[in-house]
Every structure is written in structure tokens, then in C-alpha cells.
Amino acid sequence: MSLMITDECINCDVCEPECPNNAISQGEEIYQIDPNLCTQCVGHYDEPQCQQVCPVDCIPLDPDHQESQDELYQKYLVISGKA
């Protein structure tokens, strides 16, 4: 599954630079995560870095974009050019 940012986001700017896939960007009102680029940091880190730094815990799994660990890893390979 990719991650998503909820309305509880306070726009603190700490998550965006932590994303190794550049999946996080500023939306109209809050930050947003591109599900096509989010791999939950699979291939880069053991845990999603955005979740680790978020001070309000507003980055849950996105139920609309369910993916297995293997699918996330395959997406990482494509994004990183290692496929």
C-alpha cells in the first residue's frame, strides 16, 4: 500500500525532504503523496521515513492503493531505474 496524508497535516514541511522517491509534494491545502511514487520506502529504508518524522502522526496507509511488499519492491526497481 502506498501512504496518504490526512487533513490533520499541519504543513510543517518535515516529510517532503525525507521521501527518497519524491512522492510527497505540497497540495492546495496540505501535503499529498503520489501513490504511483510511494513505496513506503521499500528498497531504501526499513520503515517509511515520512511516518518517522511526522509530528502529528497523519500519514496512514492508503486503503485505496493496496500493494504487497513485493509489488512495492517492484515499483521501487522501476522508479530507481534498476528494473
PDB file of N, CA and C in Angstrom:
ATOM      1  N   MET A   1       0.831  -1.185   0.000  1.00  0.00           N
ATOM      2  CA  MET A   1       0.000   0.000   0.000  1.00  0.00           C
ATOM      3  C   MET A   1       0.870   1.240   0.000  1.00  0.00           C
ATOM      4  N   SER A   2       0.435   2.217  -0.716  1.00  0.00           N
ATOM      5  CA  SER A   2       1.115   3.490  -0.579  1.00  0.00           C
ATOM      6  C   SER A   2       0.565   4.164   0.674  1.00  0.00           C
ATOM      7  N   LEU A   3       1.142   5.272   1.022  1.00  0.00           N
ATOM      8  CA  LEU A   3       0.700   6.028   2.180  1.00  0.00           C
ATOM      9  C   LEU A   3      -0.114   7.221   1.712  1.00  0.00           C
ATOM     10  N   MET A   4      -0.783   7.855   2.644  1.00  0.00           N
ATOM     11  CA  MET A   4      -1.551   9.064   2.344  1.00  0.00           C
ATOM     12  C   MET A   4      -1.386  10.044   3.494  1.00  0.00           C
ATOM     13  N   ILE A   5      -1.639  11.303   3.225  1.00  0.00           N
ATOM     14  CA  ILE A   5      -1.571  12.322   4.269  1.00  0.00           C
ATOM     15  C   ILE A   5      -2.992  12.798   4.530  1.00  0.00           C
ATOM     16  N   THR A   6      -3.384  12.788   5.807  1.00  0.00           N
ATOM     17  CA  THR A   6      -4.750  13.151   6.178  1.00  0.00           C
ATOM     18  C   THR A   6      -4.877  14.660   6.420  1.00  0.00           C
ATOM     19  N   ASP A   7      -6.108  15.089   6.636  1.00  0.00           N
ATOM     20  CA  ASP A   7      -6.402  16.504   6.888  1.00  0.00           C
ATOM     21  C   ASP A   7      -5.786  17.018   8.188  1.00  0.00           C
ATOM     22  N   GLU A   8      -5.250  16.124   9.002  1.00  0.00           N
ATOM     23  CA  GLU A   8      -4.620  16.557  10.241  1.00  0.00           C
ATOM     24  C   GLU A   8      -3.238  17.156  10.004  1.00  0.00           C
ATOM     25  N   CYS A   9      -2.766  17.115   8.752  1.00  0.00           N
ATOM     26  CA  CYS A   9      -1.456  17.672   8.385  1.00  0.00           C
ATOM     27  C   CYS A   9      -1.389  19.145   8.789  1.00  0.00           C
ATOM     28  N   ILE A  10      -0.265  19.539   9.400  1.00  0.00           N
ATOM     29  CA  ILE A  10      -0.073  20.929   9.825  1.00  0.00           C
ATOM     30  C   ILE A  10       0.923  21.669   8.922  1.00  0.00           C
ATOM     31  N   ASN A  11       1.257  21.074   7.780  1.00  0.00           N
ATOM     32  CA  ASN A  11       2.181  21.703   6.819  1.00  0.00           C
ATOM     33  C   ASN A  11       3.501  22.109   7.466  1.00  0.00           C
ATOM     34  N   CYS A  12       4.067  21.211   8.231  1.00  0.00           N
ATOM     35  CA  CYS A  12       5.303  21.533   8.948  1.00  0.00           C
ATOM     36  C   CYS A  12       6.555  21.381   8.080  1.00  0.00           C
ATOM     37  N   ASP A  13       6.400  20.820   6.878  1.00  0.00           N
ATOM     38  CA  ASP A  13       7.493  20.707   5.900  1.00  0.00           C
ATOM     39  C   ASP A  13       8.560  19.661   6.222  1.00  0.00           C
ATOM     40  N   VAL A  14       8.345  18.787   7.189  1.00  0.00           N
ATOM     41  CA  VAL A  14       9.403  17.829   7.528  1.00  0.00           C
ATOM     42  C   VAL A  14       9.342  16.540   6.707  1.00  0.00           C
ATOM     43  N   CYS A  15       8.175  16.187   6.181  1.00  0.00           N
ATOM     44  CA  CYS A  15       8.058  14.915   5.461  1.00  0.00           C
ATOM     45  C   CYS A  15       8.618  14.969   4.045  1.00  0.00           C
ATOM     46  N   GLU A  16       8.386  16.063   3.345  1.00  0.00           N
ATOM     47  CA  GLU A  16       8.762  16.147   1.929  1.00  0.00           C
ATOM     48  C   GLU A  16      10.240  15.837   1.666  1.00  0.00           C
ATOM     49  N   PRO A  17      11.179  16.445   2.386  1.00  0.00           N
ATOM     50  CA  PRO A  17      12.591  16.142   2.093  1.00  0.00           C
ATOM     51  C   PRO A  17      13.033  14.738   2.501  1.00  0.00           C
ATOM     52  N   GLU A  18      12.238  14.050   3.314  1.00  0.00           N
ATOM     53  CA  GLU A  18      12.599  12.708   3.765  1.00  0.00           C
ATOM     54  C   GLU A  18      12.268  11.630   2.743  1.00  0.00           C
ATOM     55  N   CYS A  19      11.399  11.929   1.775  1.00  0.00           N
ATOM     56  CA  CYS A  19      10.941  10.922   0.825  1.00  0.00           C
ATOM     57  C   CYS A  19      11.995  10.657  -0.248  1.00  0.00           C
ATOM     58  N   PRO A  20      12.529   9.427  -0.314  1.00  0.00           N
ATOM     59  CA  PRO A  20      13.569   9.117  -1.299  1.00  0.00           C
ATOM     60  C   PRO A  20      13.045   9.015  -2.731  1.00  0.00           C
ATOM     61  N   ASN A  21      11.723   8.909  -2.893  1.00  0.00           N
ATOM     62  CA  ASN A  21      11.130   8.786  -4.229  1.00  0.00           C
ATOM     63  C   ASN A  21      10.490  10.082  -4.717  1.00  0.00           C
ATOM     64  N   ASN A  22      10.613  11.143  -3.935  1.00  0.00           N
ATOM     65  CA  ASN A  22       9.980  12.427  -4.276  1.00  0.00           C
ATOM     66  C   ASN A  22       8.478  12.270  -4.504  1.00  0.00           C
ATOM     67  N   ALA A  23       7.847  11.440  -3.686  1.00  0.00           N
ATOM     68  CA  ALA A  23       6.411  11.192  -3.813  1.00  0.00           C
ATOM     69  C   ALA A  23       5.572  12.226  -3.072  1.00  0.00           C
ATOM     70  N   ILE A  24       6.187  13.017  -2.200  1.00  0.00           N
ATOM     71  CA  ILE A  24       5.453  13.989  -1.395  1.00  0.00           C
ATOM     72  C   ILE A  24       5.628  15.381  -1.978  1.00  0.00           C
ATOM     73  N   SER A  25       4.497  16.075  -2.120  1.00  0.00           N
ATOM     74  CA  SER A  25       4.541  17.444  -2.623  1.00  0.00           C
ATOM     75  C   SER A  25       3.450  18.268  -1.944  1.00  0.00           C
ATOM     76  N   GLN A  26       3.598  19.583  -2.030  1.00  0.00           N
ATOM     77  CA  GLN A  26       2.600  20.471  -1.439  1.00  0.00           C
ATOM     78  C   GLN A  26       1.353  20.474  -2.305  1.00  0.00           C
ATOM     79  N   GLY A  27       0.218  20.169  -1.703  1.00  0.00           N
ATOM     80  CA  GLY A  27      -1.063  20.214  -2.398  1.00  0.00           C
ATOM     81  C   GLY A  27      -1.685  21.591  -2.226  1.00  0.00           C
ATOM     82  N   GLU A  28      -2.957  21.711  -2.545  1.00  0.00           N
ATOM     83  CA  GLU A  28      -3.638  23.000  -2.406  1.00  0.00           C
ATOM     84  C   GLU A  28      -3.666  23.485  -0.963  1.00  0.00           C
ATOM     85  N   GLU A  29      -3.937  22.560  -0.031  1.00  0.00           N
ATOM     86  CA  GLU A  29      -4.025  22.956   1.369  1.00  0.00           C
ATOM     87  C   GLU A  29      -3.036  22.227   2.264  1.00  0.00           C
ATOM     88  N   ILE A  30      -2.778  20.959   1.959  1.00  0.00           N
ATOM     89  CA  ILE A  30      -1.845  20.157   2.761  1.00  0.00           C
ATOM     90  C   ILE A  30      -0.926  19.389   1.815  1.00  0.00           C
ATOM     91  N   TYR A  31       0.068  18.759   2.390  1.00  0.00           N
ATOM     92  CA  TYR A  31       0.940  17.920   1.581  1.00  0.00           C
ATOM     93  C   TYR A  31       0.171  16.714   1.075  1.00  0.00           C
ATOM     94  N   GLN A  32       0.639  16.154  -0.030  1.00  0.00           N
ATOM     95  CA  GLN A  32      -0.005  14.973  -0.601  1.00  0.00           C
ATOM     96  C   GLN A  32       1.065  13.981  -1.044  1.00  0.00           C
ATOM     97  N   ILE A  33       0.659  12.723  -1.162  1.00  0.00           N
ATOM     98  CA  ILE A  33       1.571  11.663  -1.584  1.00  0.00           C
ATOM     99  C   ILE A  33       1.069  11.085  -2.895  1.00  0.00           C
ATOM    100  N   ASP A  34       1.954  11.027  -3.888  1.00  0.00           N
ATOM    101  CA  ASP A  34       1.623  10.430  -5.181  1.00  0.00           C
ATOM    102  C   ASP A  34       1.714   8.911  -5.017  1.00  0.00           C
ATOM    103  N   PRO A  35       0.584   8.192  -5.101  1.00  0.00           N
ATOM    104  CA  PRO A  35       0.614   6.734  -4.894  1.00  0.00           C
ATOM    105  C   PRO A  35       1.431   5.995  -5.951  1.00  0.00           C
ATOM    106  N   ASN A  36       1.657   6.615  -7.093  1.00  0.00           N
ATOM    107  CA  ASN A  36       2.469   5.986  -8.131  1.00  0.00           C
ATOM    108  C   ASN A  36       3.959   6.042  -7.821  1.00  0.00           C
ATOM    109  N   LEU A  37       4.343   6.901  -6.878  1.00  0.00           N
ATOM    110  CA  LEU A  37       5.753   7.023  -6.497  1.00  0.00           C
ATOM    111  C   LEU A  37       6.046   6.501  -5.089  1.00  0.00           C
ATOM    112  N   CYS A  38       5.014   6.324  -4.286  1.00  0.00           N
ATOM    113  CA  CYS A  38       5.216   5.885  -2.901  1.00  0.00           C
ATOM    114  C   CYS A  38       5.461   4.375  -2.838  1.00  0.00           C
ATOM    115  N   THR A  39       6.569   3.998  -2.212  1.00  0.00           N
ATOM    116  CA  THR A  39       6.878   2.583  -1.987  1.00  0.00           C
ATOM    117  C   THR A  39       6.997   2.275  -0.496  1.00  0.00           C
ATOM    118  N   GLN A  40       6.534   3.183   0.360  1.00  0.00           N
ATOM    119  CA  GLN A  40       6.704   3.060   1.808  1.00  0.00           C
ATOM    120  C   GLN A  40       8.185   2.918   2.149  1.00  0.00           C
ATOM    121  N   CYS A  41       9.029   3.497   1.320  1.00  0.00           N
ATOM    122  CA  CYS A  41      10.484   3.477   1.464  1.00  0.00           C
ATOM    123  C   CYS A  41      11.096   2.088   1.242  1.00  0.00           C
ATOM    124  N   VAL A  42      10.291   1.131   0.754  1.00  0.00           N
ATOM    125  CA  VAL A  42      10.821  -0.193   0.413  1.00  0.00           C
ATOM    126  C   VAL A  42      11.938   0.000  -0.618  1.00  0.00           C
ATOM    127  N   GLY A  43      13.061  -0.656  -0.377  1.00  0.00           N
ATOM    128  CA  GLY A  43      14.220  -0.515  -1.250  1.00  0.00           C
ATOM    129  C   GLY A  43      15.201   0.526  -0.747  1.00  0.00           C
ATOM    130  N   HIS A  44      14.726   1.419   0.116  1.00  0.00           N
ATOM    131  CA  HIS A  44      15.575   2.479   0.662  1.00  0.00           C
ATOM    132  C   HIS A  44      15.804   2.300   2.169  1.00  0.00           C
ATOM    133  N   TYR A  45      14.702   2.136   2.908  1.00  0.00           N
ATOM    134  CA  TYR A  45      14.757   2.072   4.374  1.00  0.00           C
ATOM    135  C   TYR A  45      13.843   0.955   4.883  1.00  0.00           C
ATOM    136  N   ASP A  46      14.007   0.600   6.137  1.00  0.00           N
ATOM    137  CA  ASP A  46      13.168  -0.424   6.751  1.00  0.00           C
ATOM    138  C   ASP A  46      11.773   0.088   7.097  1.00  0.00           C
ATOM    139  N   GLU A  47      11.655   1.393   7.317  1.00  0.00           N
ATOM    140  CA  GLU A  47      10.376   1.984   7.689  1.00  0.00           C
ATOM    141  C   GLU A  47      10.154   3.259   6.892  1.00  0.00           C
ATOM    142  N   PRO A  48       8.899   3.616   6.628  1.00  0.00           N
ATOM    143  CA  PRO A  48       8.620   4.859   5.914  1.00  0.00           C
ATOM    144  C   PRO A  48       9.163   6.065   6.681  1.00  0.00           C
ATOM    145  N   GLN A  49      10.025   6.808   6.048  1.00  0.00           N
ATOM    146  CA  GLN A  49      10.674   7.931   6.708  1.00  0.00           C
ATOM    147  C   GLN A  49       9.717   9.073   7.021  1.00  0.00           C
ATOM    148  N   CYS A  50       8.723   9.289   6.168  1.00  0.00           N
ATOM    149  CA  CYS A  50       7.763  10.368   6.433  1.00  0.00           C
ATOM    150  C   CYS A  50       7.003  10.105   7.725  1.00  0.00           C
ATOM    151  N   GLN A  51       6.624   8.837   7.948  1.00  0.00           N
ATOM    152  CA  GLN A  51       5.918   8.491   9.185  1.00  0.00           C
ATOM    153  C   GLN A  51       6.812   8.699  10.399  1.00  0.00           C
ATOM    154  N   GLN A  52       8.098   8.456  10.236  1.00  0.00           N
ATOM    155  CA  GLN A  52       9.034   8.585  11.354  1.00  0.00           C
ATOM    156  C   GLN A  52       9.185  10.036  11.814  1.00  0.00           C
ATOM    157  N   VAL A  53       9.106  10.990  10.880  1.00  0.00           N
ATOM    158  CA  VAL A  53       9.339  12.389  11.236  1.00  0.00           C
ATOM    159  C   VAL A  53       8.065  13.194  11.456  1.00  0.00           C
ATOM    160  N   CYS A  54       6.921  12.654  11.101  1.00  0.00           N
ATOM    161  CA  CYS A  54       5.664  13.403  11.208  1.00  0.00           C
ATOM    162  C   CYS A  54       5.304  13.657  12.677  1.00  0.00           C
ATOM    163  N   PRO A  55       5.197  14.922  13.082  1.00  0.00           N
ATOM    164  CA  PRO A  55       4.909  15.218  14.486  1.00  0.00           C
ATOM    165  C   PRO A  55       3.447  15.010  14.884  1.00  0.00           C
ATOM    166  N   VAL A  56       2.535  14.899  13.912  1.00  0.00           N
ATOM    167  CA  VAL A  56       1.118  14.730  14.247  1.00  0.00           C
ATOM    168  C   VAL A  56       0.562  13.376  13.833  1.00  0.00           C
ATOM    169  N   ASP A  57       1.415  12.495  13.369  1.00  0.00           N
ATOM    170  CA  ASP A  57       1.011  11.125  13.029  1.00  0.00           C
ATOM    171  C   ASP A  57      -0.179  11.110  12.062  1.00  0.00           C
ATOM    172  N   CYS A  58      -0.035  11.817  10.930  1.00  0.00           N
ATOM    173  CA  CYS A  58      -1.140  11.923   9.981  1.00  0.00           C
ATOM    174  C   CYS A  58      -0.838  11.246   8.644  1.00  0.00           C
ATOM    175  N   ILE A  59       0.024  10.202   8.662  1.00  0.00           N
ATOM    176  CA  ILE A  59       0.383   9.517   7.425  1.00  0.00           C
ATOM    177  C   ILE A  59       0.106   8.020   7.555  1.00  0.00           C
ATOM    178  N   PRO A  60      -1.154   7.632   7.387  1.00  0.00           N
ATOM    179  CA  PRO A  60      -1.513   6.203   7.457  1.00  0.00           C
ATOM    180  C   PRO A  60      -1.395   5.530   6.086  1.00  0.00           C
ATOM    181  N   LEU A  61      -1.660   4.230   6.061  1.00  0.00           N
ATOM    182  CA  LEU A  61      -1.743   3.503   4.797  1.00  0.00           C
ATOM    183  C   LEU A  61      -2.947   4.007   4.016  1.00  0.00           C
ATOM    184  N   ASP A  62      -2.818   4.047   2.704  1.00  0.00           N
ATOM    185  CA  ASP A  62      -3.909   4.489   1.836  1.00  0.00           C
ATOM    186  C   ASP A  62      -4.732   3.266   1.423  1.00  0.00           C
ATOM    187  N   PRO A  63      -5.949   3.112   1.944  1.00  0.00           N
ATOM    188  CA  PRO A  63      -6.747   1.919   1.628  1.00  0.00           C
ATOM    189  C   PRO A  63      -7.143   1.825   0.149  1.00  0.00           C
ATOM    190  N   ASP A  64      -7.054   2.916  -0.568  1.00  0.00           N
ATOM    191  CA  ASP A  64      -7.402   2.914  -1.993  1.00  0.00           C
ATOM    192  C   ASP A  64      -6.261   2.434  -2.884  1.00  0.00           C
ATOM    193  N   HIS A  65      -5.081   2.249  -2.310  1.00  0.00           N
ATOM    194  CA  HIS A  65      -3.910   1.821  -3.092  1.00  0.00           C
ATOM    195  C   HIS A  65      -3.189   0.685  -2.372  1.00  0.00           C
ATOM    196  N   GLN A  66      -3.809  -0.484  -2.378  1.00  0.00           N
ATOM    197  CA  GLN A  66      -3.250  -1.639  -1.692  1.00  0.00           C
ATOM    198  C   GLN A  66      -2.203  -2.332  -2.564  1.00  0.00           C
ATOM    199  N   GLU A  67      -1.035  -2.575  -1.985  1.00  0.00           N
ATOM    200  CA  GLU A  67       0.061  -3.259  -2.672  1.00  0.00           C
ATOM    201  C   GLU A  67       0.796  -4.141  -1.675  1.00  0.00           C
ATOM    202  N   SER A  68       1.297  -5.261  -2.158  1.00  0.00           N
ATOM    203  CA  SER A  68       2.091  -6.153  -1.309  1.00  0.00           C
ATOM    204  C   SER A  68       3.516  -5.607  -1.212  1.00  0.00           C
ATOM    205  N   GLN A  69       4.292  -6.180  -0.302  1.00  0.00           N
ATOM    206  CA  GLN A  69       5.702  -5.790  -0.187  1.00  0.00           C
ATOM    207  C   GLN A  69       6.442  -6.043  -1.498  1.00  0.00           C
ATOM    208  N   ASP A  70       6.115  -7.164  -2.161  1.00  0.00           N
ATOM    209  CA  ASP A  70       6.767  -7.469  -3.433  1.00  0.00           C
ATOM    210  C   ASP A  70       6.390  -6.449  -4.507  1.00  0.00           C
ATOM    211  N   GLU A  71       5.124  -6.051  -4.543  1.00  0.00           N
ATOM    212  CA  GLU A  71       4.701  -5.034  -5.506  1.00  0.00           C
ATOM    213  C   GLU A  71       5.382  -3.699  -5.232  1.00  0.00           C
ATOM    214  N   LEU A  72       5.525  -3.345  -3.954  1.00  0.00           N
ATOM    215  CA  LEU A  72       6.228  -2.110  -3.599  1.00  0.00           C
ATOM    216  C   LEU A  72       7.687  -2.184  -4.030  1.00  0.00           C
ATOM    217  N   TYR A  73       8.310  -3.351  -3.850  1.00  0.00           N
ATOM    218  CA  TYR A  73       9.703  -3.510  -4.248  1.00  0.00           C
ATOM    219  C   TYR A  73       9.849  -3.419  -5.768  1.00  0.00           C
ATOM    220  N   GLN A  74       8.927  -4.017  -6.497  1.00  0.00           N
ATOM    221  CA  GLN A  74       8.965  -3.932  -7.961  1.00  0.00           C
ATOM    222  C   GLN A  74       8.796  -2.484  -8.421  1.00  0.00           C
ATOM    223  N   LYS A  75       7.919  -1.737  -7.744  1.00  0.00           N
ATOM    224  CA  LYS A  75       7.738  -0.326  -8.073  1.00  0.00           C
ATOM    225  C   LYS A  75       9.024   0.442  -7.788  1.00  0.00           C
ATOM    226  N   TYR A  76       9.677   0.148  -6.662  1.00  0.00           N
ATOM    227  CA  TYR A  76      10.965   0.763  -6.331  1.00  0.00           C
ATOM    228  C   TYR A  76      11.984   0.514  -7.446  1.00  0.00           C
ATOM    229  N   LEU A  77      12.065  -0.735  -7.956  1.00  0.00           N
ATOM    230  CA  LEU A  77      13.025  -1.060  -9.012  1.00  0.00           C
ATOM    231  C   LEU A  77      12.767  -0.224 -10.260  1.00  0.00           C
ATOM    232  N   VAL A  78      11.507  -0.044 -10.607  1.00  0.00           N
ATOM    233  CA  VAL A  78      11.163   0.750 -11.794  1.00  0.00           C
ATOM    234  C   VAL A  78      11.509   2.224 -11.566  1.00  0.00           C
ATOM    235  N   ILE A  79      11.092   2.765 -10.437  1.00  0.00           N
ATOM    236  CA  ILE A  79      11.331   4.180 -10.126  1.00  0.00           C
ATOM    237  C   ILE A  79      12.821   4.484 -10.080  1.00  0.00           C
ATOM    238  N   SER A  80      13.594   3.582  -9.492  1.00  0.00           N
ATOM    239  CA  SER A  80      15.027   3.823  -9.330  1.00  0.00           C
ATOM    240  C   SER A  80      15.835   3.482 -10.580  1.00  0.00           C
ATOM    241  N   GLY A  81      15.174   2.926 -11.591  1.00  0.00           N
ATOM    242  CA  GLY A  81      15.879   2.568 -12.834  1.00  0.00           C
ATOM    243  C   GLY A  81      16.681   1.289 -12.719  1.00  0.00           C
ATOM    244  N   LYS A  82      16.388   0.486 -11.711  1.00  0.00           N
ATOM    245  CA  LYS A  82      17.113  -0.773 -11.501  1.00  0.00           C
ATOM    246  C   LYS A  82      16.390  -1.976 -12.064  1.00  0.00           C
ATOM    247  N   ALA A  83      15.228  -1.744 -12.683  1.00  0.00           N
ATOM    248  CA  ALA A  83      14.433  -2.860 -13.242  1.00  0.00           C
ATOM    249  C   ALA A  83      15.001  -3.315 -14.564  1.00  0.00           C
TER     250      ALA A  83
END
